[in-house]
Amino acid sequence: MSSNRRRREVKDSSEVAQDLKLHIKQPEGLALDWAGSNMYWTDAGGNSIEMARTDGRYQRTVIKMVSKLMKPKAIVLDPDKG
């Protein structure tokens, strides 16, 4: 590695949690995609399923509940199916 390359700043878990806490209304479930370095959670207060990288980057809403299915409570990932 060349000496002029800069190392990327890595957030610790408390910084990631603080960043995510600002956007989540009522967290209920959490699932970790260890192979893809993503985390998914349900937000019953926001009626959504959301995700972000494990370092907190790229947070986005995956599903916004607008039908009878509201207030998601739990989430499970199937690593074999991707």
Protein backbone atom coordinates (compact mmCIF):
# COMPACT_ATOMS: atom_id res chain seq x y z
CA MET A 1 0.00 0.00 0.00
CA SER A 2 1.40 3.39 -0.92
CA SER A 3 2.06 5.88 1.84
CA ASN A 4 -0.13 8.56 0.26
CA ARG A 5 -3.30 6.47 0.55
CA ARG A 6 -5.60 7.63 3.29
CA ARG A 7 -7.37 5.22 5.55
CA ARG A 8 -11.15 5.51 5.65
CA GLU A 9 -12.53 6.69 8.96
CA VAL A 10 -14.56 3.91 10.55
CA LYS A 11 -17.38 4.77 12.91
CA ASP A 12 -17.73 2.78 16.08
CA SER A 13 -21.06 1.15 16.92
CA SER A 14 -22.20 3.96 19.24
CA GLU A 15 -21.76 6.52 16.44
CA VAL A 16 -23.71 4.34 14.01
CA ALA A 17 -26.50 3.87 16.55
CA GLN A 18 -26.68 7.62 17.16
CA ASP A 19 -26.94 8.34 13.41
CA LEU A 20 -29.70 5.79 12.93
CA LYS A 21 -31.59 6.79 16.08
CA LEU A 22 -32.39 10.17 14.56
CA HIS A 23 -34.55 8.54 11.86
CA ILE A 24 -36.26 5.64 13.61
CA LYS A 25 -39.57 6.24 15.40
CA GLN A 26 -40.34 2.87 17.02
CA PRO A 27 -37.82 0.09 16.31
CA GLU A 28 -39.16 -3.44 16.80
CA GLY A 29 -37.06 -6.02 14.93
CA LEU A 30 -33.46 -6.21 13.72
CA ALA A 31 -31.74 -8.61 11.31
CA LEU A 32 -28.11 -8.67 10.23
CA ASP A 33 -27.03 -9.69 6.74
CA TRP A 34 -23.50 -10.73 7.66
CA ALA A 35 -22.62 -11.75 4.10
CA GLY A 36 -23.61 -8.41 2.58
CA SER A 37 -22.72 -6.20 5.59
CA ASN A 38 -26.26 -4.81 5.77
CA MET A 39 -28.68 -4.48 8.65
CA TYR A 40 -32.46 -4.39 8.35
CA TRP A 41 -34.98 -3.27 10.93
CA THR A 42 -38.69 -2.75 11.33
CA ASP A 43 -39.98 0.65 12.39
CA ALA A 44 -43.51 0.19 13.75
CA GLY A 45 -43.84 3.94 14.32
CA GLY A 46 -42.94 4.72 10.72
CA ASN A 47 -44.78 1.65 9.33
CA SER A 48 -41.69 0.66 7.37
CA ILE A 49 -38.85 -1.78 6.90
CA GLU A 50 -35.52 0.00 6.53
CA MET A 51 -31.91 -0.91 5.93
CA ALA A 52 -28.39 0.49 6.08
CA ARG A 53 -24.83 -0.75 5.78
CA THR A 54 -23.45 -2.02 9.09
CA ASP A 55 -21.37 1.17 9.33
CA GLY A 56 -24.56 3.28 9.10
CA ARG A 57 -24.13 4.47 5.50
CA TYR A 58 -26.79 4.32 2.81
CA GLN A 59 -29.82 4.21 5.09
CA ARG A 60 -33.04 3.84 3.12
CA THR A 61 -36.62 2.65 3.33
CA VAL A 62 -37.10 -0.78 1.73
CA ILE A 63 -40.87 -1.07 2.24
CA LYS A 64 -43.36 1.57 3.38
CA MET A 65 -46.55 0.01 4.72
CA VAL A 66 -49.60 1.73 3.25
CA SER A 67 -52.11 -1.12 3.28
CA LYS A 68 -53.66 -3.26 5.99
CA LEU A 69 -50.19 -4.58 6.89
CA MET A 70 -49.05 -2.01 9.39
CA LYS A 71 -46.76 -1.74 12.37
CA PRO A 72 -44.17 -4.40 11.41
CA LYS A 73 -42.79 -6.14 14.49
CA ALA A 74 -40.16 -8.65 13.36
CA ILE A 75 -37.85 -9.40 10.44
CA VAL A 76 -35.94 -12.49 9.32
CA LEU A 77 -33.47 -12.84 6.46
CA ASP A 78 -32.78 -15.95 4.41
CA PRO A 79 -29.08 -15.85 3.42
CA ASP A 80 -29.46 -18.89 1.16
CA LYS A 81 -31.97 -17.09 -1.07
CA GLY A 82 -30.15 -13.76 -1.11
